[in-house]
PDB file of all heavy atoms in Angstrom:
ATOM      1  N   GLY A   1      -6.475  -9.176 -12.299  1.00  0.00           N
ATOM      2  CA  GLY A   1      -5.209  -9.752 -12.833  1.00  0.00           C
ATOM      3  C   GLY A   1      -4.047  -8.697 -12.601  1.00  0.00           C
ATOM      4  O   GLY A   1      -2.906  -8.990 -13.024  1.00  0.00           O
ATOM      5  N   HIS A   2      -4.248  -7.647 -11.891  1.00  0.00           N
ATOM      6  CA  HIS A   2      -3.155  -6.585 -11.624  1.00  0.00           C
ATOM      7  C   HIS A   2      -2.919  -6.575 -10.228  1.00  0.00           C
ATOM      8  O   HIS A   2      -3.880  -6.512  -9.348  1.00  0.00           O
ATOM      9  CB  HIS A   2      -3.601  -5.224 -12.122  1.00  0.00           C
ATOM     10  CG  HIS A   2      -3.852  -5.089 -13.581  1.00  0.00           C
ATOM     11  ND1 HIS A   2      -2.841  -5.051 -14.530  1.00  0.00           N
ATOM     12  CD2 HIS A   2      -5.000  -5.145 -14.214  1.00  0.00           C
ATOM     13  CE1 HIS A   2      -3.365  -5.067 -15.684  1.00  0.00           C
ATOM     14  NE2 HIS A   2      -4.715  -5.166 -15.555  1.00  0.00           N
ATOM     15  N   LYS A   3      -1.549  -6.533  -9.820  1.00  0.00           N
ATOM     16  CA  LYS A   3      -1.209  -6.601  -8.351  1.00  0.00           C
ATOM     17  C   LYS A   3      -0.982  -5.186  -7.887  1.00  0.00           C
ATOM     18  O   LYS A   3      -0.341  -4.408  -8.574  1.00  0.00           O
ATOM     19  CB  LYS A   3       0.012  -7.482  -8.098  1.00  0.00           C
ATOM     20  CG  LYS A   3      -0.315  -8.956  -8.316  1.00  0.00           C
ATOM     21  CD  LYS A   3       0.853  -9.776  -8.021  1.00  0.00           C
ATOM     22  CE  LYS A   3       0.323 -11.275  -8.133  1.00  0.00           C
ATOM     23  NZ  LYS A   3       1.633 -12.118  -7.867  1.00  0.00           N
ATOM     24  N   ALA A   4      -1.520  -4.902  -6.688  1.00  0.00           N
ATOM     25  CA  ALA A   4      -1.178  -3.569  -6.090  1.00  0.00           C
ATOM     26  C   ALA A   4      -0.498  -3.932  -4.718  1.00  0.00           C
ATOM     27  O   ALA A   4      -0.724  -4.966  -4.102  1.00  0.00           O
ATOM     28  CB  ALA A   4      -2.510  -2.785  -5.828  1.00  0.00           C
ATOM     29  N   HIS A   5       0.395  -2.966  -4.377  1.00  0.00           N
ATOM     30  CA  HIS A   5       1.009  -3.279  -3.085  1.00  0.00           C
ATOM     31  C   HIS A   5       1.454  -2.086  -2.243  1.00  0.00           C
ATOM     32  O   HIS A   5       1.576  -1.011  -2.800  1.00  0.00           O
ATOM     33  CB  HIS A   5       2.320  -4.092  -3.378  1.00  0.00           C
ATOM     34  CG  HIS A   5       3.329  -3.498  -4.204  1.00  0.00           C
ATOM     35  ND1 HIS A   5       4.357  -2.770  -3.700  1.00  0.00           N
ATOM     36  CD2 HIS A   5       3.346  -3.374  -5.471  1.00  0.00           C
ATOM     37  CE1 HIS A   5       5.055  -2.283  -4.803  1.00  0.00           C
ATOM     38  NE2 HIS A   5       4.438  -2.720  -5.914  1.00  0.00           N
ATOM     39  N   LEU A   6       1.608  -2.274  -1.007  1.00  0.00           N
ATOM     40  CA  LEU A   6       2.167  -1.244  -0.080  1.00  0.00           C
ATOM     41  C   LEU A   6       3.457  -1.904   0.519  1.00  0.00           C
ATOM     42  O   LEU A   6       3.372  -2.986   1.050  1.00  0.00           O
ATOM     43  CB  LEU A   6       1.050  -0.889   0.984  1.00  0.00           C
ATOM     44  CG  LEU A   6       1.632   0.064   2.074  1.00  0.00           C
ATOM     45  CD1 LEU A   6       0.407   0.898   2.538  1.00  0.00           C
ATOM     46  CD2 LEU A   6       2.161  -0.528   3.238  1.00  0.00           C
ATOM     47  N   ASP A   7       4.516  -1.139   0.447  1.00  0.00           N
ATOM     48  CA  ASP A   7       5.706  -1.542   0.960  1.00  0.00           C
ATOM     49  C   ASP A   7       6.119  -0.957   2.293  1.00  0.00           C
ATOM     50  O   ASP A   7       5.829   0.367   2.428  1.00  0.00           O
ATOM     51  CB  ASP A   7       6.882  -1.444  -0.035  1.00  0.00           C
ATOM     52  CG  ASP A   7       6.693  -2.260  -1.280  1.00  0.00           C
ATOM     53  OD1 ASP A   7       6.088  -3.349  -1.140  1.00  0.00           O
ATOM     54  OD2 ASP A   7       7.072  -1.764  -2.347  1.00  0.00           O
ATOM     55  N   PHE A   8       6.703  -1.612   3.302  1.00  0.00           N
ATOM     56  CA  PHE A   8       7.091  -0.997   4.459  1.00  0.00           C
ATOM     57  C   PHE A   8       8.321  -1.532   5.073  1.00  0.00           C
ATOM     58  O   PHE A   8       8.681  -2.753   4.730  1.00  0.00           O
ATOM     59  CB  PHE A   8       5.933  -0.879   5.579  1.00  0.00           C
ATOM     60  CG  PHE A   8       5.717  -2.313   6.005  1.00  0.00           C
ATOM     61  CD1 PHE A   8       6.274  -2.886   7.122  1.00  0.00           C
ATOM     62  CD2 PHE A   8       4.690  -3.208   5.392  1.00  0.00           C
ATOM     63  CE1 PHE A   8       6.024  -4.115   7.601  1.00  0.00           C
ATOM     64  CE2 PHE A   8       4.337  -4.451   5.858  1.00  0.00           C
ATOM     65  CZ  PHE A   8       5.048  -4.991   6.974  1.00  0.00           C
ATOM     66  N   ASP A   9       8.982  -0.737   5.867  1.00  0.00           N
ATOM     67  CA  ASP A   9      10.170  -1.388   6.717  1.00  0.00           C
ATOM     68  C   ASP A   9       9.779  -1.347   8.172  1.00  0.00           C
ATOM     69  O   ASP A   9       8.931  -0.374   8.477  1.00  0.00           O
ATOM     70  CB  ASP A   9      11.423  -0.519   6.590  1.00  0.00           C
ATOM     71  CG  ASP A   9      11.944  -0.454   5.080  1.00  0.00           C
ATOM     72  OD1 ASP A   9      11.961  -1.591   4.535  1.00  0.00           O
ATOM     73  OD2 ASP A   9      12.460   0.569   4.667  1.00  0.00           O
ATOM     74  N   GLN A  10      10.228  -2.254   8.846  1.00  0.00           N
ATOM     75  CA  GLN A  10       9.825  -2.312  10.328  1.00  0.00           C
ATOM     76  C   GLN A  10      11.162  -2.073  11.052  1.00  0.00           C
ATOM     77  O   GLN A  10      12.033  -2.990  10.873  1.00  0.00           O
ATOM     78  CB  GLN A  10       9.056  -3.500  10.675  1.00  0.00           C
ATOM     79  CG  GLN A  10       8.535  -3.417  12.058  1.00  0.00           C
ATOM     80  CD  GLN A  10       7.617  -4.648  12.303  1.00  0.00           C
ATOM     81  OE1 GLN A  10       6.854  -5.149  11.549  1.00  0.00           O
ATOM     82  NE2 GLN A  10       7.695  -5.145  13.613  1.00  0.00           N
ATOM     83  N   ARG A  11      11.299  -1.145  11.892  1.00  0.00           N
ATOM     84  CA  ARG A  11      12.408  -0.796  12.736  1.00  0.00           C
ATOM     85  C   ARG A  11      12.063  -0.225  14.067  1.00  0.00           C
ATOM     86  O   ARG A  11      11.283   0.726  14.112  1.00  0.00           O
ATOM     87  CB  ARG A  11      13.289   0.217  11.918  1.00  0.00           C
ATOM     88  CG  ARG A  11      14.160  -0.411  10.828  1.00  0.00           C
ATOM     89  CD  ARG A  11      14.901   0.641  10.150  1.00  0.00           C
ATOM     90  NE  ARG A  11      14.121   1.151   9.082  1.00  0.00           N
ATOM     91  CZ  ARG A  11      14.404   2.418   8.501  1.00  0.00           C
ATOM     92  NH1 ARG A  11      15.223   3.232   8.925  1.00  0.00           N
ATOM     93  NH2 ARG A  11      13.605   2.719   7.473  1.00  0.00           N
ATOM     94  N   GLY A  12      12.686  -0.767  15.158  1.00  0.00           N
ATOM     95  CA  GLY A  12      12.570  -0.222  16.375  1.00  0.00           C
ATOM     96  C   GLY A  12      11.119   0.185  16.866  1.00  0.00           C
ATOM     97  O   GLY A  12      10.887   1.255  17.277  1.00  0.00           O
ATOM     98  N   GLY A  13      10.106  -0.702  16.705  1.00  0.00           N
ATOM     99  CA  GLY A  13       8.855  -0.455  17.148  1.00  0.00           C
ATOM    100  C   GLY A  13       7.986   0.439  16.262  1.00  0.00           C
ATOM    101  O   GLY A  13       6.898   0.847  16.538  1.00  0.00           O
ATOM    102  N   ALA A  14       8.563   0.619  14.920  1.00  0.00           N
ATOM    103  CA  ALA A  14       7.847   1.471  13.975  1.00  0.00           C
ATOM    104  C   ALA A  14       7.643   0.772  12.696  1.00  0.00           C
ATOM    105  O   ALA A  14       8.615  -0.012  12.211  1.00  0.00           O
ATOM    106  CB  ALA A  14       8.596   2.822  13.832  1.00  0.00           C
ATOM    107  N   MET A  15       6.530   1.053  11.977  1.00  0.00           N
ATOM    108  CA  MET A  15       6.308   0.661  10.696  1.00  0.00           C
ATOM    109  C   MET A  15       6.518   1.897   9.811  1.00  0.00           C
ATOM    110  O   MET A  15       5.749   2.865   9.954  1.00  0.00           O
ATOM    111  CB  MET A  15       4.869   0.118  10.424  1.00  0.00           C
ATOM    112  CG  MET A  15       4.501  -0.208   8.960  1.00  0.00           C
ATOM    113  SD  MET A  15       2.826  -0.668   8.756  1.00  0.00           S
ATOM    114  CE  MET A  15       2.676  -2.287   9.461  1.00  0.00           C
ATOM    115  N   ILE A  16       7.470   1.844   8.871  1.00  0.00           N
ATOM    116  CA  ILE A  16       7.688   2.998   7.947  1.00  0.00           C
ATOM    117  C   ILE A  16       7.089   2.608   6.594  1.00  0.00           C
ATOM    118  O   ILE A  16       7.702   1.807   5.922  1.00  0.00           O
ATOM    119  CB  ILE A  16       9.262   3.334   7.782  1.00  0.00           C
ATOM    120  CG1 ILE A  16       9.750   3.732   9.185  1.00  0.00           C
ATOM    121  CG2 ILE A  16       9.465   4.543   6.776  1.00  0.00           C
ATOM    122  CD1 ILE A  16      10.452   2.616   9.912  1.00  0.00           C
ATOM    123  N   ILE A  17       6.057   3.263   6.275  1.00  0.00           N
ATOM    124  CA  ILE A  17       5.403   3.059   4.896  1.00  0.00           C
ATOM    125  C   ILE A  17       6.147   3.785   3.953  1.00  0.00           C
ATOM    126  O   ILE A  17       6.274   5.039   3.861  1.00  0.00           O
ATOM    127  CB  ILE A  17       3.945   3.377   4.985  1.00  0.00           C
ATOM    128  CG1 ILE A  17       3.206   2.734   6.013  1.00  0.00           C
ATOM    129  CG2 ILE A  17       3.291   3.231   3.563  1.00  0.00           C
ATOM    130  CD1 ILE A  17       1.749   3.056   6.111  1.00  0.00           C
ATOM    131  N   THR A  18       6.781   2.955   2.879  1.00  0.00           N
ATOM    132  CA  THR A  18       7.736   3.579   1.940  1.00  0.00           C
ATOM    133  C   THR A  18       7.111   3.807   0.591  1.00  0.00           C
ATOM    134  O   THR A  18       7.404   4.774  -0.073  1.00  0.00           O
ATOM    135  CB  THR A  18       8.914   2.765   1.892  1.00  0.00           C
ATOM    136  OG1 THR A  18       8.592   1.367   1.479  1.00  0.00           O
ATOM    137  CG2 THR A  18       9.757   2.752   3.010  1.00  0.00           C
ATOM    138  N   HIS A  19       6.191   2.863   0.136  1.00  0.00           N
ATOM    139  CA  HIS A  19       5.556   2.999  -1.122  1.00  0.00           C
ATOM    140  C   HIS A  19       4.153   2.460  -1.149  1.00  0.00           C
ATOM    141  O   HIS A  19       3.939   1.387  -0.460  1.00  0.00           O
ATOM    142  CB  HIS A  19       6.369   2.275  -2.158  1.00  0.00           C
ATOM    143  CG  HIS A  19       7.724   2.671  -2.380  1.00  0.00           C
ATOM    144  ND1 HIS A  19       8.135   3.923  -3.008  1.00  0.00           N
ATOM    145  CD2 HIS A  19       8.872   2.101  -2.101  1.00  0.00           C
ATOM    146  CE1 HIS A  19       9.428   3.987  -2.990  1.00  0.00           C
ATOM    147  NE2 HIS A  19       9.911   2.978  -2.369  1.00  0.00           N
ATOM    148  N   THR A  20       3.386   3.041  -1.941  1.00  0.00           N
ATOM    149  CA  THR A  20       1.976   2.457  -2.261  1.00  0.00           C
ATOM    150  C   THR A  20       1.843   2.552  -3.708  1.00  0.00           C
ATOM    151  O   THR A  20       1.967   3.620  -4.333  1.00  0.00           O
ATOM    152  CB  THR A  20       0.823   3.298  -1.573  1.00  0.00           C
ATOM    153  OG1 THR A  20       1.129   3.405  -0.179  1.00  0.00           O
ATOM    154  CG2 THR A  20      -0.452   2.674  -1.783  1.00  0.00           C
ATOM    155  N   VAL A  21       1.650   1.345  -4.314  1.00  0.00           N
ATOM    156  CA  VAL A  21       1.731   1.228  -5.878  1.00  0.00           C
ATOM    157  C   VAL A  21       0.360   0.574  -6.229  1.00  0.00           C
ATOM    158  O   VAL A  21       0.084  -0.610  -5.861  1.00  0.00           O
ATOM    159  CB  VAL A  21       2.905   0.508  -6.379  1.00  0.00           C
ATOM    160  CG1 VAL A  21       2.897   0.298  -7.788  1.00  0.00           C
ATOM    161  CG2 VAL A  21       4.154   1.167  -5.796  1.00  0.00           C
ATOM    162  N   VAL A  22      -0.465   1.336  -7.081  1.00  0.00           N
ATOM    163  CA  VAL A  22      -1.613   0.660  -7.647  1.00  0.00           C
ATOM    164  C   VAL A  22      -1.497   1.053  -9.222  1.00  0.00           C
ATOM    165  O   VAL A  22      -1.397   2.056  -9.575  1.00  0.00           O
ATOM    166  CB  VAL A  22      -2.831   1.379  -7.136  1.00  0.00           C
ATOM    167  CG1 VAL A  22      -4.138   0.840  -7.877  1.00  0.00           C
ATOM    168  CG2 VAL A  22      -2.973   1.128  -5.650  1.00  0.00           C
ATOM    169  N   PRO A  23      -1.418  -0.066 -10.080  1.00  0.00           N
ATOM    170  CA  PRO A  23      -1.268   0.150 -11.465  1.00  0.00           C
ATOM    171  C   PRO A  23      -2.406   0.981 -11.954  1.00  0.00           C
ATOM    172  O   PRO A  23      -3.553   0.860 -11.566  1.00  0.00           O
ATOM    173  CB  PRO A  23      -1.370  -1.336 -12.075  1.00  0.00           C
ATOM    174  CG  PRO A  23      -1.024  -2.158 -10.898  1.00  0.00           C
ATOM    175  CD  PRO A  23      -1.406  -1.506  -9.569  1.00  0.00           C
ATOM    176  N   PRO A  24      -2.156   1.860 -13.072  1.00  0.00           N
ATOM    177  CA  PRO A  24      -3.219   2.679 -13.597  1.00  0.00           C
ATOM    178  C   PRO A  24      -4.474   1.897 -14.038  1.00  0.00           C
ATOM    179  O   PRO A  24      -5.580   2.393 -14.023  1.00  0.00           O
ATOM    180  CB  PRO A  24      -2.666   3.434 -14.723  1.00  0.00           C
ATOM    181  CG  PRO A  24      -1.173   2.842 -14.840  1.00  0.00           C
ATOM    182  CD  PRO A  24      -0.967   1.961 -13.679  1.00  0.00           C
ATOM    183  N   GLU A  25      -4.248   0.613 -14.432  1.00  0.00           N
ATOM    184  CA  GLU A  25      -5.377  -0.180 -14.947  1.00  0.00           C
ATOM    185  C   GLU A  25      -6.475  -0.376 -13.895  1.00  0.00           C
ATOM    186  O   GLU A  25      -7.551  -0.548 -14.257  1.00  0.00           O
ATOM    187  CB  GLU A  25      -4.880  -1.448 -15.398  1.00  0.00           C
ATOM    188  CG  GLU A  25      -3.971  -1.421 -16.622  1.00  0.00           C
ATOM    189  CD  GLU A  25      -2.479  -1.285 -16.389  1.00  0.00           C
ATOM    190  OE1 GLU A  25      -2.251  -1.071 -15.158  1.00  0.00           O
ATOM    191  OE2 GLU A  25      -1.682  -1.240 -17.324  1.00  0.00           O
ATOM    192  N   ILE A  26      -6.065  -0.382 -12.654  1.00  0.00           N
ATOM    193  CA  ILE A  26      -7.018  -0.591 -11.584  1.00  0.00           C
ATOM    194  C   ILE A  26      -7.093   0.617 -10.658  1.00  0.00           C
ATOM    195  O   ILE A  26      -7.694   0.498  -9.539  1.00  0.00           O
ATOM    196  CB  ILE A  26      -6.756  -1.871 -10.681  1.00  0.00           C
ATOM    197  CG1 ILE A  26      -5.327  -1.893 -10.234  1.00  0.00           C
ATOM    198  CG2 ILE A  26      -6.929  -3.109 -11.694  1.00  0.00           C
ATOM    199  CD1 ILE A  26      -4.967  -2.974  -9.254  1.00  0.00           C
ATOM    200  N   GLY A  27      -6.602   1.748 -11.059  1.00  0.00           N
ATOM    201  CA  GLY A  27      -6.699   2.881 -10.141  1.00  0.00           C
ATOM    202  C   GLY A  27      -8.047   3.494 -10.113  1.00  0.00           C
ATOM    203  O   GLY A  27      -9.050   3.140 -10.680  1.00  0.00           O
ATOM    204  N   GLY A  28      -8.302   4.263  -9.073  1.00  0.00           N
ATOM    205  CA  GLY A  28      -9.569   5.007  -8.867  1.00  0.00           C
ATOM    206  C   GLY A  28     -10.646   4.173  -8.175  1.00  0.00           C
ATOM    207  O   GLY A  28     -11.821   4.437  -8.304  1.00  0.00           O
ATOM    208  N   ARG A  29     -10.192   3.003  -7.647  1.00  0.00           N
ATOM    209  CA  ARG A  29     -11.247   2.109  -7.006  1.00  0.00           C
ATOM    210  C   ARG A  29     -11.047   2.056  -5.434  1.00  0.00           C
ATOM    211  O   ARG A  29     -11.660   1.240  -4.838  1.00  0.00           O
ATOM    212  CB  ARG A  29     -11.117   0.703  -7.592  1.00  0.00           C
ATOM    213  CG  ARG A  29     -11.268   0.644  -9.046  1.00  0.00           C
ATOM    214  CD  ARG A  29     -11.282  -0.687  -9.541  1.00  0.00           C
ATOM    215  NE  ARG A  29     -11.070  -0.807 -11.000  1.00  0.00           N
ATOM    216  CZ  ARG A  29     -11.091  -1.960 -11.557  1.00  0.00           C
ATOM    217  NH1 ARG A  29     -11.307  -3.151 -10.936  1.00  0.00           N
ATOM    218  NH2 ARG A  29     -10.883  -2.024 -12.874  1.00  0.00           N
ATOM    219  N   GLY A  30     -10.168   2.869  -4.847  1.00  0.00           N
ATOM    220  CA  GLY A  30      -9.915   2.888  -3.399  1.00  0.00           C
ATOM    221  C   GLY A  30      -9.046   1.829  -2.906  1.00  0.00           C
ATOM    222  O   GLY A  30      -8.958   1.608  -1.808  1.00  0.00           O
ATOM    223  N   ILE A  31      -8.335   1.231  -3.889  1.00  0.00           N
ATOM    224  CA  ILE A  31      -7.397   0.150  -3.493  1.00  0.00           C
ATOM    225  C   ILE A  31      -6.203   0.660  -2.683  1.00  0.00           C
ATOM    226  O   ILE A  31      -5.912   0.006  -1.610  1.00  0.00           O
ATOM    227  CB  ILE A  31      -6.830  -0.566  -4.854  1.00  0.00           C
ATOM    228  CG1 ILE A  31      -8.082  -1.218  -5.676  1.00  0.00           C
ATOM    229  CG2 ILE A  31      -5.890  -1.621  -4.505  1.00  0.00           C
ATOM    230  CD1 ILE A  31      -7.804  -1.595  -6.934  1.00  0.00           C
ATOM    231  N   ALA A  32      -5.635   1.713  -2.991  1.00  0.00           N
ATOM    232  CA  ALA A  32      -4.598   2.231  -2.181  1.00  0.00           C
ATOM    233  C   ALA A  32      -5.000   2.587  -0.735  1.00  0.00           C
ATOM    234  O   ALA A  32      -4.298   2.298   0.204  1.00  0.00           O
ATOM    235  CB  ALA A  32      -3.974   3.557  -2.774  1.00  0.00           C
ATOM    236  N   ALA A  33      -6.235   3.084  -0.664  1.00  0.00           N
ATOM    237  CA  ALA A  33      -6.806   3.384   0.686  1.00  0.00           C
ATOM    238  C   ALA A  33      -6.976   2.202   1.374  1.00  0.00           C
ATOM    239  O   ALA A  33      -6.680   2.091   2.730  1.00  0.00           O
ATOM    240  CB  ALA A  33      -8.189   4.158   0.478  1.00  0.00           C
ATOM    241  N   GLU A  34      -7.380   1.096   0.834  1.00  0.00           N
ATOM    242  CA  GLU A  34      -7.598  -0.191   1.623  1.00  0.00           C
ATOM    243  C   GLU A  34      -6.174  -0.730   2.055  1.00  0.00           C
ATOM    244  O   GLU A  34      -6.082  -1.268   3.155  1.00  0.00           O
ATOM    245  CB  GLU A  34      -8.328  -1.152   0.600  1.00  0.00           C
ATOM    246  CG  GLU A  34      -9.720  -0.838   0.505  1.00  0.00           C
ATOM    247  CD  GLU A  34     -10.572  -1.757  -0.407  1.00  0.00           C
ATOM    248  OE1 GLU A  34     -10.134  -2.996  -0.604  1.00  0.00           O
ATOM    249  OE2 GLU A  34     -11.693  -1.432  -0.801  1.00  0.00           O
ATOM    250  N   LEU A  35      -5.214  -0.605   1.179  1.00  0.00           N
ATOM    251  CA  LEU A  35      -3.875  -1.050   1.557  1.00  0.00           C
ATOM    252  C   LEU A  35      -3.322  -0.342   2.728  1.00  0.00           C
ATOM    253  O   LEU A  35      -2.850  -0.942   3.711  1.00  0.00           O
ATOM    254  CB  LEU A  35      -2.892  -0.957   0.387  1.00  0.00           C
ATOM    255  CG  LEU A  35      -3.136  -1.935  -0.815  1.00  0.00           C
ATOM    256  CD1 LEU A  35      -2.357  -1.529  -1.943  1.00  0.00           C
ATOM    257  CD2 LEU A  35      -2.799  -3.418  -0.325  1.00  0.00           C
ATOM    258  N   VAL A  36      -3.423   0.992   2.708  1.00  0.00           N
ATOM    259  CA  VAL A  36      -2.968   1.854   3.786  1.00  0.00           C
ATOM    260  C   VAL A  36      -3.794   1.546   5.158  1.00  0.00           C
ATOM    261  O   VAL A  36      -3.209   1.401   6.219  1.00  0.00           O
ATOM    262  CB  VAL A  36      -3.165   3.309   3.517  1.00  0.00           C
ATOM    263  CG1 VAL A  36      -2.710   4.178   4.673  1.00  0.00           C
ATOM    264  CG2 VAL A  36      -2.154   3.690   2.294  1.00  0.00           C
ATOM    265  N   GLN A  37      -5.066   1.484   4.979  1.00  0.00           N
ATOM    266  CA  GLN A  37      -5.855   1.100   6.229  1.00  0.00           C
ATOM    267  C   GLN A  37      -5.354  -0.331   6.737  1.00  0.00           C
ATOM    268  O   GLN A  37      -5.250  -0.431   7.947  1.00  0.00           O
ATOM    269  CB  GLN A  37      -7.262   1.094   5.868  1.00  0.00           C
ATOM    270  CG  GLN A  37      -8.157   0.816   7.121  1.00  0.00           C
ATOM    271  CD  GLN A  37      -9.643   1.052   6.991  1.00  0.00           C
ATOM    272  OE1 GLN A  37     -10.098   1.275   5.972  1.00  0.00           O
ATOM    273  NE2 GLN A  37     -10.327   0.741   7.939  1.00  0.00           N
ATOM    274  N   ALA A  38      -5.131  -1.288   5.918  1.00  0.00           N
ATOM    275  CA  ALA A  38      -4.661  -2.517   6.346  1.00  0.00           C
ATOM    276  C   ALA A  38      -3.293  -2.480   7.108  1.00  0.00           C
ATOM    277  O   ALA A  38      -3.180  -2.998   8.174  1.00  0.00           O
ATOM    278  CB  ALA A  38      -4.541  -3.559   5.213  1.00  0.00           C
ATOM    279  N   ALA A  39      -2.444  -1.617   6.647  1.00  0.00           N
ATOM    280  CA  ALA A  39      -1.215  -1.322   7.221  1.00  0.00           C
ATOM    281  C   ALA A  39      -1.374  -0.700   8.613  1.00  0.00           C
ATOM    282  O   ALA A  39      -0.805  -1.076   9.657  1.00  0.00           O
ATOM    283  CB  ALA A  39      -0.278  -0.507   6.367  1.00  0.00           C
ATOM    284  N   PHE A  40      -2.239   0.231   8.684  1.00  0.00           N
ATOM    285  CA  PHE A  40      -2.396   1.049  10.025  1.00  0.00           C
ATOM    286  C   PHE A  40      -3.135  -0.063  11.053  1.00  0.00           C
ATOM    287  O   PHE A  40      -2.867  -0.007  12.190  1.00  0.00           O
ATOM    288  CB  PHE A  40      -3.262   2.287   9.786  1.00  0.00           C
ATOM    289  CG  PHE A  40      -2.432   3.493   9.636  1.00  0.00           C
ATOM    290  CD1 PHE A  40      -1.990   3.719   8.298  1.00  0.00           C
ATOM    291  CD2 PHE A  40      -2.011   4.221  10.551  1.00  0.00           C
ATOM    292  CE1 PHE A  40      -1.246   4.854   7.977  1.00  0.00           C
ATOM    293  CE2 PHE A  40      -1.226   5.419  10.412  1.00  0.00           C
ATOM    294  CZ  PHE A  40      -0.801   5.616   9.080  1.00  0.00           C
TER     295      PHE A  40
END
């Protein structure tokens, strides 16, 4: 029931990853790593 997200801007052939946010209630489960890997 908690949303985690990774935000990015796309400019000139580049993805600029600006924020990775995982609420503390669901932290420590590798969610941020999965979001970053999905972005890459």
